[in-house]
Amino acid sequence: MSGSYLDEDEVSAARASELVGAGSAWLLDVREAHEWEAGHAPDAHHIPLYELQTRQHELPEDQQILVVCHSGGRSRLATDALNRADYPAANVAGGMSAWQAHGAAVVRDDGSAGDVV
């Protein structure tokens, strides 16, 4: 593991959507359970911020991790912590609010249309 594979430690929602869609990045959603249940990116993996340290073993060590929350604050904290631990992580600027505003899909666990709360 050695820091971000990207040249920056923050990416736009548009770039994040492109990277995840191409299979070039692993999307980590660090929001609370009720936020996730209301709506999340289709290919996201959910580990709430408060569980990240104890579930760190679930993270890929050889793939770019993009971290998202509601608006970018919690995901910035998670990104900084992951980078300090030598994970290749970058923050999704603007979070799921920007993701949805970009027009990227937001779904519920059952595949129906979701909403960002």
PDB file of N, CA and C in Angstrom:
ATOM      1  N   MET A   1       0.847  -1.178   0.000  1.00  0.00           N
ATOM      2  CA  MET A   1       0.000   0.000   0.000  1.00  0.00           C
ATOM      3  C   MET A   1       0.887   1.235   0.000  1.00  0.00           C
ATOM      4  N   SER A   2       0.473   2.234  -0.738  1.00  0.00           N
ATOM      5  CA  SER A   2       1.291   3.439  -0.767  1.00  0.00           C
ATOM      6  C   SER A   2       0.502   4.656  -1.211  1.00  0.00           C
ATOM      7  N   GLY A   3      -0.350   5.172  -0.337  1.00  0.00           N
ATOM      8  CA  GLY A   3      -1.063   6.414  -0.640  1.00  0.00           C
ATOM      9  C   GLY A   3      -1.987   6.292  -1.839  1.00  0.00           C
ATOM     10  N   SER A   4      -2.459   7.425  -2.308  1.00  0.00           N
ATOM     11  CA  SER A   4      -3.402   7.461  -3.415  1.00  0.00           C
ATOM     12  C   SER A   4      -2.743   7.098  -4.744  1.00  0.00           C
ATOM     13  N   TYR A   5      -3.438   6.350  -5.573  1.00  0.00           N
ATOM     14  CA  TYR A   5      -2.963   6.053  -6.924  1.00  0.00           C
ATOM     15  C   TYR A   5      -3.226   7.241  -7.837  1.00  0.00           C
ATOM     16  N   LEU A   6      -4.137   8.103  -7.426  1.00  0.00           N
ATOM     17  CA  LEU A   6      -4.447   9.302  -8.185  1.00  0.00           C
ATOM     18  C   LEU A   6      -3.422  10.375  -7.853  1.00  0.00           C
ATOM     19  N   ASP A   7      -3.345  11.401  -8.680  1.00  0.00           N
ATOM     20  CA  ASP A   7      -2.432  12.500  -8.408  1.00  0.00           C
ATOM     21  C   ASP A   7      -2.959  13.432  -7.332  1.00  0.00           C
ATOM     22  N   GLU A   8      -4.238  13.308  -6.988  1.00  0.00           N
ATOM     23  CA  GLU A   8      -4.832  14.168  -5.977  1.00  0.00           C
ATOM     24  C   GLU A   8      -5.511  13.328  -4.912  1.00  0.00           C
ATOM     25  N   ASP A   9      -5.796  13.955  -3.761  1.00  0.00           N
ATOM     26  CA  ASP A   9      -6.483  13.209  -2.709  1.00  0.00           C
ATOM     27  C   ASP A   9      -7.957  13.596  -2.626  1.00  0.00           C
ATOM     28  N   GLU A  10      -8.456  14.276  -3.680  1.00  0.00           N
ATOM     29  CA  GLU A  10      -9.872  14.603  -3.770  1.00  0.00           C
ATOM     30  C   GLU A  10     -10.272  14.573  -5.240  1.00  0.00           C
ATOM     31  N   VAL A  11     -11.443  14.002  -5.511  1.00  0.00           N
ATOM     32  CA  VAL A  11     -11.952  13.944  -6.878  1.00  0.00           C
ATOM     33  C   VAL A  11     -13.376  14.475  -6.907  1.00  0.00           C
ATOM     34  N   SER A  12     -13.798  14.957  -8.050  1.00  0.00           N
ATOM     35  CA  SER A  12     -15.173  15.424  -8.217  1.00  0.00           C
ATOM     36  C   SER A  12     -16.116  14.217  -8.257  1.00  0.00           C
ATOM     37  N   ALA A  13     -17.387  14.473  -8.029  1.00  0.00           N
ATOM     38  CA  ALA A  13     -18.383  13.411  -8.121  1.00  0.00           C
ATOM     39  C   ALA A  13     -18.421  12.843  -9.534  1.00  0.00           C
ATOM     40  N   ALA A  14     -18.266  13.696 -10.537  1.00  0.00           N
ATOM     41  CA  ALA A  14     -18.263  13.233 -11.929  1.00  0.00           C
ATOM     42  C   ALA A  14     -17.104  12.271 -12.173  1.00  0.00           C
ATOM     43  N   ARG A  15     -15.922  12.632 -11.703  1.00  0.00           N
ATOM     44  CA  ARG A  15     -14.744  11.771 -11.876  1.00  0.00           C
ATOM     45  C   ARG A  15     -14.906  10.476 -11.081  1.00  0.00           C
ATOM     46  N   ALA A  16     -15.447  10.581  -9.871  1.00  0.00           N
ATOM     47  CA  ALA A  16     -15.670   9.391  -9.050  1.00  0.00           C
ATOM     48  C   ALA A  16     -16.617   8.425  -9.751  1.00  0.00           C
ATOM     49  N   SER A  17     -17.704   8.956 -10.302  1.00  0.00           N
ATOM     50  CA  SER A  17     -18.671   8.131 -11.013  1.00  0.00           C
ATOM     51  C   SER A  17     -18.014   7.429 -12.194  1.00  0.00           C
ATOM     52  N   GLU A  18     -17.175   8.153 -12.902  1.00  0.00           N
ATOM     53  CA  GLU A  18     -16.456   7.592 -14.048  1.00  0.00           C
ATOM     54  C   GLU A  18     -15.506   6.473 -13.608  1.00  0.00           C
ATOM     55  N   LEU A  19     -14.726   6.707 -12.570  1.00  0.00           N
ATOM     56  CA  LEU A  19     -13.760   5.706 -12.089  1.00  0.00           C
ATOM     57  C   LEU A  19     -14.458   4.454 -11.565  1.00  0.00           C
ATOM     58  N   VAL A  20     -15.518   4.640 -10.787  1.00  0.00           N
ATOM     59  CA  VAL A  20     -16.251   3.497 -10.240  1.00  0.00           C
ATOM     60  C   VAL A  20     -16.931   2.721 -11.368  1.00  0.00           C
ATOM     61  N   GLY A  21     -17.539   3.442 -12.303  1.00  0.00           N
ATOM     62  CA  GLY A  21     -18.201   2.795 -13.433  1.00  0.00           C
ATOM     63  C   GLY A  21     -17.264   1.977 -14.294  1.00  0.00           C
ATOM     64  N   ALA A  22     -16.021   2.422 -14.392  1.00  0.00           N
ATOM     65  CA  ALA A  22     -15.017   1.715 -15.188  1.00  0.00           C
ATOM     66  C   ALA A  22     -14.347   0.585 -14.406  1.00  0.00           C
ATOM     67  N   GLY A  23     -14.707   0.438 -13.134  1.00  0.00           N
ATOM     68  CA  GLY A  23     -14.083  -0.588 -12.305  1.00  0.00           C
ATOM     69  C   GLY A  23     -12.678  -0.226 -11.860  1.00  0.00           C
ATOM     70  N   SER A  24     -12.332   1.069 -11.934  1.00  0.00           N
ATOM     71  CA  SER A  24     -10.992   1.534 -11.587  1.00  0.00           C
ATOM     72  C   SER A  24     -10.886   2.016 -10.150  1.00  0.00           C
ATOM     73  N   ALA A  25     -11.985   1.993  -9.416  1.00  0.00           N
ATOM     74  CA  ALA A  25     -11.975   2.459  -8.032  1.00  0.00           C
ATOM     75  C   ALA A  25     -13.039   1.725  -7.231  1.00  0.00           C
ATOM     76  N   TRP A  26     -12.802   1.652  -5.938  1.00  0.00           N
ATOM     77  CA  TRP A  26     -13.680   0.998  -4.961  1.00  0.00           C
ATOM     78  C   TRP A  26     -14.322   2.105  -4.155  1.00  0.00           C
ATOM     79  N   LEU A  27     -15.645   2.253  -4.223  1.00  0.00           N
ATOM     80  CA  LEU A  27     -16.344   3.341  -3.561  1.00  0.00           C
ATOM     81  C   LEU A  27     -16.755   2.942  -2.149  1.00  0.00           C
ATOM     82  N   LEU A  28     -16.263   3.697  -1.173  1.00  0.00           N
ATOM     83  CA  LEU A  28     -16.549   3.462   0.241  1.00  0.00           C
ATOM     84  C   LEU A  28     -17.471   4.554   0.751  1.00  0.00           C
ATOM     85  N   ASP A  29     -18.653   4.185   1.200  1.00  0.00           N
ATOM     86  CA  ASP A  29     -19.634   5.112   1.760  1.00  0.00           C
ATOM     87  C   ASP A  29     -19.539   5.021   3.279  1.00  0.00           C
ATOM     88  N   VAL A  30     -19.196   6.138   3.932  1.00  0.00           N
ATOM     89  CA  VAL A  30     -18.990   6.140   5.381  1.00  0.00           C
ATOM     90  C   VAL A  30     -20.155   6.776   6.147  1.00  0.00           C
ATOM     91  N   ARG A  31     -21.306   6.923   5.492  1.00  0.00           N
ATOM     92  CA  ARG A  31     -22.460   7.524   6.154  1.00  0.00           C
ATOM     93  C   ARG A  31     -23.107   6.561   7.152  1.00  0.00           C
ATOM     94  N   GLU A  32     -24.015   7.102   7.949  1.00  0.00           N
ATOM     95  CA  GLU A  32     -24.771   6.314   8.920  1.00  0.00           C
ATOM     96  C   GLU A  32     -25.750   5.378   8.192  1.00  0.00           C
ATOM     97  N   ALA A  33     -26.222   4.363   8.902  1.00  0.00           N
ATOM     98  CA  ALA A  33     -27.106   3.355   8.308  1.00  0.00           C
ATOM     99  C   ALA A  33     -28.368   3.962   7.700  1.00  0.00           C
ATOM    100  N   HIS A  34     -29.014   4.910   8.383  1.00  0.00           N
ATOM    101  CA  HIS A  34     -30.264   5.482   7.845  1.00  0.00           C
ATOM    102  C   HIS A  34     -30.006   6.263   6.559  1.00  0.00           C
ATOM    103  N   GLU A  35     -28.826   6.871   6.431  1.00  0.00           N
ATOM    104  CA  GLU A  35     -28.485   7.590   5.203  1.00  0.00           C
ATOM    105  C   GLU A  35     -28.276   6.598   4.061  1.00  0.00           C
ATOM    106  N   TRP A  36     -27.549   5.527   4.337  1.00  0.00           N
ATOM    107  CA  TRP A  36     -27.299   4.468   3.357  1.00  0.00           C
ATOM    108  C   TRP A  36     -28.611   3.861   2.877  1.00  0.00           C
ATOM    109  N   GLU A  37     -29.508   3.534   3.825  1.00  0.00           N
ATOM    110  CA  GLU A  37     -30.769   2.893   3.487  1.00  0.00           C
ATOM    111  C   GLU A  37     -31.648   3.783   2.606  1.00  0.00           C
ATOM    112  N   ALA A  38     -31.575   5.096   2.789  1.00  0.00           N
ATOM    113  CA  ALA A  38     -32.378   6.022   1.980  1.00  0.00           C
ATOM    114  C   ALA A  38     -31.906   6.052   0.537  1.00  0.00           C
ATOM    115  N   GLY A  39     -30.594   5.897   0.333  1.00  0.00           N
ATOM    116  CA  GLY A  39     -30.061   5.879  -1.016  1.00  0.00           C
ATOM    117  C   GLY A  39     -28.558   5.973  -1.047  1.00  0.00           C
ATOM    118  N   HIS A  40     -27.956   5.198  -1.945  1.00  0.00           N
ATOM    119  CA  HIS A  40     -26.503   5.140  -2.075  1.00  0.00           C
ATOM    120  C   HIS A  40     -26.136   4.847  -3.527  1.00  0.00           C
ATOM    121  N   ALA A  41     -24.885   5.003  -3.846  1.00  0.00           N
ATOM    122  CA  ALA A  41     -24.411   4.664  -5.186  1.00  0.00           C
ATOM    123  C   ALA A  41     -24.522   3.149  -5.378  1.00  0.00           C
ATOM    124  N   PRO A  42     -24.909   2.694  -6.566  1.00  0.00           N
ATOM    125  CA  PRO A  42     -25.127   1.262  -6.794  1.00  0.00           C
ATOM    126  C   PRO A  42     -23.929   0.374  -6.468  1.00  0.00           C
ATOM    127  N   ASP A  43     -22.725   0.834  -6.736  1.00  0.00           N
ATOM    128  CA  ASP A  43     -21.540  -0.003  -6.528  1.00  0.00           C
ATOM    129  C   ASP A  43     -20.795   0.306  -5.241  1.00  0.00           C
ATOM    130  N   ALA A  44     -21.411   1.066  -4.349  1.00  0.00           N
ATOM    131  CA  ALA A  44     -20.743   1.460  -3.109  1.00  0.00           C
ATOM    132  C   ALA A  44     -20.686   0.314  -2.097  1.00  0.00           C
ATOM    133  N   HIS A  45     -19.714   0.428  -1.208  1.00  0.00           N
ATOM    134  CA  HIS A  45     -19.552  -0.489  -0.075  1.00  0.00           C
ATOM    135  C   HIS A  45     -19.773   0.348   1.176  1.00  0.00           C
ATOM    136  N   HIS A  46     -20.563  -0.156   2.107  1.00  0.00           N
ATOM    137  CA  HIS A  46     -20.943   0.637   3.277  1.00  0.00           C
ATOM    138  C   HIS A  46     -20.169   0.216   4.520  1.00  0.00           C
ATOM    139  N   ILE A  47     -19.398   1.142   5.046  1.00  0.00           N
ATOM    140  CA  ILE A  47     -18.765   0.991   6.351  1.00  0.00           C
ATOM    141  C   ILE A  47     -18.896   2.351   7.037  1.00  0.00           C
ATOM    142  N   PRO A  48     -19.807   2.485   7.998  1.00  0.00           N
ATOM    143  CA  PRO A  48     -19.959   3.770   8.670  1.00  0.00           C
ATOM    144  C   PRO A  48     -18.633   4.244   9.265  1.00  0.00           C
ATOM    145  N   LEU A  49     -18.448   5.551   9.304  1.00  0.00           N
ATOM    146  CA  LEU A  49     -17.195   6.123   9.780  1.00  0.00           C
ATOM    147  C   LEU A  49     -16.792   5.563  11.134  1.00  0.00           C
ATOM    148  N   TYR A  50     -17.740   5.447  12.058  1.00  0.00           N
ATOM    149  CA  TYR A  50     -17.412   4.979  13.404  1.00  0.00           C
ATOM    150  C   TYR A  50     -16.988   3.508  13.435  1.00  0.00           C
ATOM    151  N   GLU A  51     -17.221   2.757  12.372  1.00  0.00           N
ATOM    152  CA  GLU A  51     -16.819   1.350  12.297  1.00  0.00           C
ATOM    153  C   GLU A  51     -15.555   1.140  11.461  1.00  0.00           C
ATOM    154  N   LEU A  52     -15.060   2.196  10.857  1.00  0.00           N
ATOM    155  CA  LEU A  52     -13.969   2.054   9.886  1.00  0.00           C
ATOM    156  C   LEU A  52     -12.728   1.396  10.482  1.00  0.00           C
ATOM    157  N   GLN A  53     -12.330   1.801  11.650  1.00  0.00           N
ATOM    158  CA  GLN A  53     -11.115   1.234  12.244  1.00  0.00           C
ATOM    159  C   GLN A  53     -11.251  -0.263  12.498  1.00  0.00           C
ATOM    160  N   THR A  54     -12.407  -0.704  13.001  1.00  0.00           N
ATOM    161  CA  THR A  54     -12.580  -2.125  13.311  1.00  0.00           C
ATOM    162  C   THR A  54     -12.873  -2.969  12.072  1.00  0.00           C
ATOM    163  N   ARG A  55     -13.270  -2.329  10.971  1.00  0.00           N
ATOM    164  CA  ARG A  55     -13.576  -3.068   9.739  1.00  0.00           C
ATOM    165  C   ARG A  55     -12.557  -2.801   8.634  1.00  0.00           C
ATOM    166  N   GLN A  56     -11.435  -2.237   8.999  1.00  0.00           N
ATOM    167  CA  GLN A  56     -10.402  -1.879   8.027  1.00  0.00           C
ATOM    168  C   GLN A  56      -9.965  -3.088   7.196  1.00  0.00           C
ATOM    169  N   HIS A  57     -10.027  -4.270   7.768  1.00  0.00           N
ATOM    170  CA  HIS A  57      -9.636  -5.490   7.059  1.00  0.00           C
ATOM    171  C   HIS A  57     -10.516  -5.764   5.824  1.00  0.00           C
ATOM    172  N   GLU A  58     -11.664  -5.111   5.728  1.00  0.00           N
ATOM    173  CA  GLU A  58     -12.560  -5.299   4.581  1.00  0.00           C
ATOM    174  C   GLU A  58     -12.154  -4.459   3.376  1.00  0.00           C
ATOM    175  N   LEU A  59     -11.229  -3.542   3.560  1.00  0.00           N
ATOM    176  CA  LEU A  59     -10.828  -2.632   2.486  1.00  0.00           C
ATOM    177  C   LEU A  59      -9.817  -3.285   1.549  1.00  0.00           C
ATOM    178  N   PRO A  60      -9.901  -2.987   0.262  1.00  0.00           N
ATOM    179  CA  PRO A  60      -8.891  -3.505  -0.664  1.00  0.00           C
ATOM    180  C   PRO A  60      -7.578  -2.743  -0.460  1.00  0.00           C
ATOM    181  N   GLU A  61      -6.473  -3.438  -0.543  1.00  0.00           N
ATOM    182  CA  GLU A  61      -5.170  -2.795  -0.373  1.00  0.00           C
ATOM    183  C   GLU A  61      -4.520  -2.465  -1.703  1.00  0.00           C
ATOM    184  N   ASP A  62      -5.084  -2.983  -2.790  1.00  0.00           N
ATOM    185  CA  ASP A  62      -4.449  -2.845  -4.099  1.00  0.00           C
ATOM    186  C   ASP A  62      -5.348  -2.135  -5.109  1.00  0.00           C
ATOM    187  N   GLN A  63      -6.318  -1.375  -4.618  1.00  0.00           N
ATOM    188  CA  GLN A  63      -7.248  -0.678  -5.505  1.00  0.00           C
ATOM    189  C   GLN A  63      -7.485   0.729  -4.954  1.00  0.00           C
ATOM    190  N   GLN A  64      -7.667   1.684  -5.859  1.00  0.00           N
ATOM    191  CA  GLN A  64      -7.982   3.051  -5.448  1.00  0.00           C
ATOM    192  C   GLN A  64      -9.300   3.056  -4.691  1.00  0.00           C
ATOM    193  N   ILE A  65      -9.312   3.639  -3.501  1.00  0.00           N
ATOM    194  CA  ILE A  65     -10.527   3.781  -2.704  1.00  0.00           C
ATOM    195  C   ILE A  65     -11.003   5.223  -2.818  1.00  0.00           C
ATOM    196  N   LEU A  66     -12.266   5.402  -3.153  1.00  0.00           N
ATOM    197  CA  LEU A  66     -12.886   6.712  -3.165  1.00  0.00           C
ATOM    198  C   LEU A  66     -13.868   6.737  -2.003  1.00  0.00           C
ATOM    199  N   VAL A  67     -13.761   7.746  -1.147  1.00  0.00           N
ATOM    200  CA  VAL A  67     -14.556   7.798   0.072  1.00  0.00           C
ATOM    201  C   VAL A  67     -15.624   8.875  -0.061  1.00  0.00           C
ATOM    202  N   VAL A  68     -16.864   8.513   0.260  1.00  0.00           N
ATOM    203  CA  VAL A  68     -17.989   9.436   0.112  1.00  0.00           C
ATOM    204  C   VAL A  68     -18.841   9.438   1.385  1.00  0.00           C
ATOM    205  N   CYS A  69     -19.396  10.613   1.688  1.00  0.00           N
ATOM    206  CA  CYS A  69     -20.388  10.746   2.758  1.00  0.00           C
ATOM    207  C   CYS A  69     -21.511  11.630   2.221  1.00  0.00           C
ATOM    208  N   HIS A  70     -22.176  12.390   3.048  1.00  0.00           N
ATOM    209  CA  HIS A  70     -23.267  13.241   2.565  1.00  0.00           C
ATOM    210  C   HIS A  70     -22.737  14.440   1.785  1.00  0.00           C
ATOM    211  N   SER A  71     -21.816  15.196   2.389  1.00  0.00           N
ATOM    212  CA  SER A  71     -21.328  16.407   1.724  1.00  0.00           C
ATOM    213  C   SER A  71     -19.813  16.534   1.669  1.00  0.00           C
ATOM    214  N   GLY A  72     -19.078  15.616   2.254  1.00  0.00           N
ATOM    215  CA  GLY A  72     -17.628  15.621   2.132  1.00  0.00           C
ATOM    216  C   GLY A  72     -16.840  15.765   3.418  1.00  0.00           C
ATOM    217  N   GLY A  73     -17.487  16.076   4.524  1.00  0.00           N
ATOM    218  CA  GLY A  73     -16.775  16.262   5.793  1.00  0.00           C
ATOM    219  C   GLY A  73     -16.299  14.967   6.429  1.00  0.00           C
ATOM    220  N   ARG A  74     -17.207  14.023   6.632  1.00  0.00           N
ATOM    221  CA  ARG A  74     -16.823  12.737   7.231  1.00  0.00           C
ATOM    222  C   ARG A  74     -15.908  11.947   6.304  1.00  0.00           C
ATOM    223  N   SER A  75     -16.168  12.039   5.013  1.00  0.00           N
ATOM    224  CA  SER A  75     -15.322  11.305   4.072  1.00  0.00           C
ATOM    225  C   SER A  75     -13.914  11.897   4.041  1.00  0.00           C
ATOM    226  N   ARG A  76     -13.765  13.199   4.278  1.00  0.00           N
ATOM    227  CA  ARG A  76     -12.431  13.803   4.362  1.00  0.00           C
ATOM    228  C   ARG A  76     -11.681  13.233   5.563  1.00  0.00           C
ATOM    229  N   LEU A  77     -12.356  13.108   6.712  1.00  0.00           N
ATOM    230  CA  LEU A  77     -11.731  12.516   7.895  1.00  0.00           C
ATOM    231  C   LEU A  77     -11.290  11.078   7.604  1.00  0.00           C
ATOM    232  N   ALA A  78     -12.170  10.310   6.975  1.00  0.00           N
ATOM    233  CA  ALA A  78     -11.847   8.921   6.644  1.00  0.00           C
ATOM    234  C   ALA A  78     -10.704   8.842   5.639  1.00  0.00           C
ATOM    235  N   THR A  79     -10.734   9.695   4.625  1.00  0.00           N
ATOM    236  CA  THR A  79      -9.669   9.715   3.617  1.00  0.00           C
ATOM    237  C   THR A  79      -8.322  10.015   4.252  1.00  0.00           C
ATOM    238  N   ASP A  80      -8.278  11.020   5.110  1.00  0.00           N
ATOM    239  CA  ASP A  80      -7.021  11.376   5.778  1.00  0.00           C
ATOM    240  C   ASP A  80      -6.505  10.214   6.618  1.00  0.00           C
ATOM    241  N   ALA A  81      -7.396   9.556   7.362  1.00  0.00           N
ATOM    242  CA  ALA A  81      -6.992   8.416   8.189  1.00  0.00           C
ATOM    243  C   ALA A  81      -6.491   7.262   7.319  1.00  0.00           C
ATOM    244  N   LEU A  82      -7.187   6.984   6.215  1.00  0.00           N
ATOM    245  CA  LEU A  82      -6.760   5.897   5.327  1.00  0.00           C
ATOM    246  C   LEU A  82      -5.419   6.210   4.678  1.00  0.00           C
ATOM    247  N   ASN A  83      -5.218   7.453   4.272  1.00  0.00           N
ATOM    248  CA  ASN A  83      -3.931   7.822   3.679  1.00  0.00           C
ATOM    249  C   ASN A  83      -2.797   7.686   4.698  1.00  0.00           C
ATOM    250  N   ARG A  84      -3.068   8.057   5.952  1.00  0.00           N
ATOM    251  CA  ARG A  84      -2.040   7.886   6.997  1.00  0.00           C
ATOM    252  C   ARG A  84      -1.707   6.411   7.188  1.00  0.00           C
ATOM    253  N   ALA A  85      -2.675   5.537   6.939  1.00  0.00           N
ATOM    254  CA  ALA A  85      -2.468   4.090   7.059  1.00  0.00           C
ATOM    255  C   ALA A  85      -1.990   3.478   5.742  1.00  0.00           C
ATOM    256  N   ASP A  86      -1.600   4.333   4.794  1.00  0.00           N
ATOM    257  CA  ASP A  86      -1.069   3.922   3.489  1.00  0.00           C
ATOM    258  C   ASP A  86      -2.053   3.239   2.559  1.00  0.00           C
ATOM    259  N   TYR A  87      -3.346   3.499   2.746  1.00  0.00           N
ATOM    260  CA  TYR A  87      -4.329   3.043   1.766  1.00  0.00           C
ATOM    261  C   TYR A  87      -4.407   4.087   0.657  1.00  0.00           C
ATOM    262  N   PRO A  88      -4.612   3.664  -0.581  1.00  0.00           N
ATOM    263  CA  PRO A  88      -4.762   4.606  -1.696  1.00  0.00           C
ATOM    264  C   PRO A  88      -6.177   5.188  -1.701  1.00  0.00           C
ATOM    265  N   ALA A  89      -6.384   6.265  -0.948  1.00  0.00           N
ATOM    266  CA  ALA A  89      -7.723   6.826  -0.771  1.00  0.00           C
ATOM    267  C   ALA A  89      -7.802   8.267  -1.259  1.00  0.00           C
ATOM    268  N   ALA A  90      -8.972   8.626  -1.782  1.00  0.00           N
ATOM    269  CA  ALA A  90      -9.259   9.999  -2.194  1.00  0.00           C
ATOM    270  C   ALA A  90     -10.694  10.322  -1.803  1.00  0.00           C
ATOM    271  N   ASN A  91     -10.919  11.558  -1.410  1.00  0.00           N
ATOM    272  CA  ASN A  91     -12.231  12.038  -1.000  1.00  0.00           C
ATOM    273  C   ASN A  91     -13.070  12.418  -2.227  1.00  0.00           C
ATOM    274  N   VAL A  92     -14.362  12.124  -2.172  1.00  0.00           N
ATOM    275  CA  VAL A  92     -15.282  12.566  -3.212  1.00  0.00           C
ATOM    276  C   VAL A  92     -15.819  13.933  -2.787  1.00  0.00           C
ATOM    277  N   ALA A  93     -15.395  14.971  -3.472  1.00  0.00           N
ATOM    278  CA  ALA A  93     -15.782  16.344  -3.129  1.00  0.00           C
ATOM    279  C   ALA A  93     -17.293  16.525  -3.243  1.00  0.00           C
ATOM    280  N   GLY A  94     -17.888  17.083  -2.214  1.00  0.00           N
ATOM    281  CA  GLY A  94     -19.332  17.325  -2.241  1.00  0.00           C
ATOM    282  C   GLY A  94     -20.177  16.131  -1.866  1.00  0.00           C
ATOM    283  N   GLY A  95     -19.554  14.970  -1.704  1.00  0.00           N
ATOM    284  CA  GLY A  95     -20.249  13.778  -1.243  1.00  0.00           C
ATOM    285  C   GLY A  95     -21.387  13.301  -2.133  1.00  0.00           C
ATOM    286  N   MET A  96     -22.318  12.608  -1.496  1.00  0.00           N
ATOM    287  CA  MET A  96     -23.467  12.055  -2.226  1.00  0.00           C
ATOM    288  C   MET A  96     -24.381  13.162  -2.754  1.00  0.00           C
ATOM    289  N   SER A  97     -24.355  14.327  -2.121  1.00  0.00           N
ATOM    290  CA  SER A  97     -25.139  15.450  -2.652  1.00  0.00           C
ATOM    291  C   SER A  97     -24.638  15.812  -4.040  1.00  0.00           C
ATOM    292  N   ALA A  98     -23.318  15.901  -4.199  1.00  0.00           N
ATOM    293  CA  ALA A  98     -22.726  16.208  -5.507  1.00  0.00           C
ATOM    294  C   ALA A  98     -22.918  15.036  -6.469  1.00  0.00           C
ATOM    295  N   TRP A  99     -22.814  13.813  -5.965  1.00  0.00           N
ATOM    296  CA  TRP A  99     -23.016  12.609  -6.785  1.00  0.00           C
ATOM    297  C   TRP A  99     -24.401  12.656  -7.429  1.00  0.00           C
ATOM    298  N   GLN A 100     -25.419  12.919  -6.608  1.00  0.00           N
ATOM    299  CA  GLN A 100     -26.788  12.971  -7.116  1.00  0.00           C
ATOM    300  C   GLN A 100     -26.982  14.167  -8.052  1.00  0.00           C
ATOM    301  N   ALA A 101     -26.415  15.318  -7.695  1.00  0.00           N
ATOM    302  CA  ALA A 101     -26.536  16.513  -8.542  1.00  0.00           C
ATOM    303  C   ALA A 101     -25.888  16.297  -9.906  1.00  0.00           C
ATOM    304  N   HIS A 102     -24.851  15.477  -9.952  1.00  0.00           N
ATOM    305  CA  HIS A 102     -24.172  15.142 -11.211  1.00  0.00           C
ATOM    306  C   HIS A 102     -25.056  14.253 -12.090  1.00  0.00           C
ATOM    307  N   GLY A 103     -26.049  13.628 -11.491  1.00  0.00           N
ATOM    308  CA  GLY A 103     -26.934  12.751 -12.256  1.00  0.00           C
ATOM    309  C   GLY A 103     -26.561  11.289 -12.147  1.00  0.00           C
ATOM    310  N   ALA A 104     -25.603  10.970 -11.279  1.00  0.00           N
ATOM    311  CA  ALA A 104     -25.225   9.572 -11.070  1.00  0.00           C
ATOM    312  C   ALA A 104     -26.325   8.873 -10.277  1.00  0.00           C
ATOM    313  N   ALA A 105     -26.466   7.582 -10.480  1.00  0.00           N
ATOM    314  CA  ALA A 105     -27.543   6.808  -9.863  1.00  0.00           C
ATOM    315  C   ALA A 105     -27.438   6.777  -8.344  1.00  0.00           C
ATOM    316  N   VAL A 106     -28.606   6.829  -7.712  1.00  0.00           N
ATOM    317  CA  VAL A 106     -28.755   6.658  -6.264  1.00  0.00           C
ATOM    318  C   VAL A 106     -29.867   5.631  -6.089  1.00  0.00           C
ATOM    319  N   VAL A 107     -29.562   4.543  -5.388  1.00  0.00           N
ATOM    320  CA  VAL A 107     -30.514   3.436  -5.246  1.00  0.00           C
ATOM    321  C   VAL A 107     -30.634   3.013  -3.774  1.00  0.00           C
ATOM    322  N   ARG A 108     -31.682   2.249  -3.531  1.00  0.00           N
ATOM    323  CA  ARG A 108     -31.857   1.591  -2.239  1.00  0.00           C
ATOM    324  C   ARG A 108     -31.329   0.152  -2.385  1.00  0.00           C
ATOM    325  N   ASP A 109     -31.237  -0.563  -1.288  1.00  0.00           N
ATOM    326  CA  ASP A 109     -30.728  -1.936  -1.344  1.00  0.00           C
ATOM    327  C   ASP A 109     -31.531  -2.831  -2.285  1.00  0.00           C
ATOM    328  N   ASP A 110     -32.830  -2.561  -2.449  1.00  0.00           N
ATOM    329  CA  ASP A 110     -33.665  -3.397  -3.304  1.00  0.00           C
ATOM    330  C   ASP A 110     -33.571  -2.988  -4.789  1.00  0.00           C
ATOM    331  N   GLY A 111     -32.731  -1.982  -5.077  1.00  0.00           N
ATOM    332  CA  GLY A 111     -32.546  -1.552  -6.460  1.00  0.00           C
ATOM    333  C   GLY A 111     -33.470  -0.432  -6.907  1.00  0.00           C
ATOM    334  N   SER A 112     -34.448  -0.096  -6.078  1.00  0.00           N
ATOM    335  CA  SER A 112     -35.358   1.001  -6.425  1.00  0.00           C
ATOM    336  C   SER A 112     -34.640   2.339  -6.280  1.00  0.00           C
ATOM    337  N   ALA A 113     -35.223   3.381  -6.854  1.00  0.00           N
ATOM    338  CA  ALA A 113     -34.614   4.704  -6.795  1.00  0.00           C
ATOM    339  C   ALA A 113     -34.500   5.168  -5.353  1.00  0.00           C
ATOM    340  N   GLY A 114     -33.365   5.722  -5.015  1.00  0.00           N
ATOM    341  CA  GLY A 114     -33.129   6.204  -3.667  1.00  0.00           C
ATOM    342  C   GLY A 114     -33.001   7.713  -3.633  1.00  0.00           C
ATOM    343  N   ASP A 115     -32.765   8.236  -2.450  1.00  0.00           N
ATOM    344  CA  ASP A 115     -32.607   9.672  -2.274  1.00  0.00           C
ATOM    345  C   ASP A 115     -31.463   9.924  -1.293  1.00  0.00           C
ATOM    346  N   VAL A 116     -30.798  11.030  -1.435  1.00  0.00           N
ATOM    347  CA  VAL A 116     -29.720  11.396  -0.527  1.00  0.00           C
ATOM    348  C   VAL A 116     -30.317  12.199   0.622  1.00  0.00           C
ATOM    349  N   VAL A 117     -30.132  11.700   1.852  1.00  0.00           N
ATOM    350  CA  VAL A 117     -30.639  12.401   3.033  1.00  0.00           C
ATOM    351  C   VAL A 117     -29.490  12.774   3.953  1.00  0.00           C
TER     352      VAL A 117
END
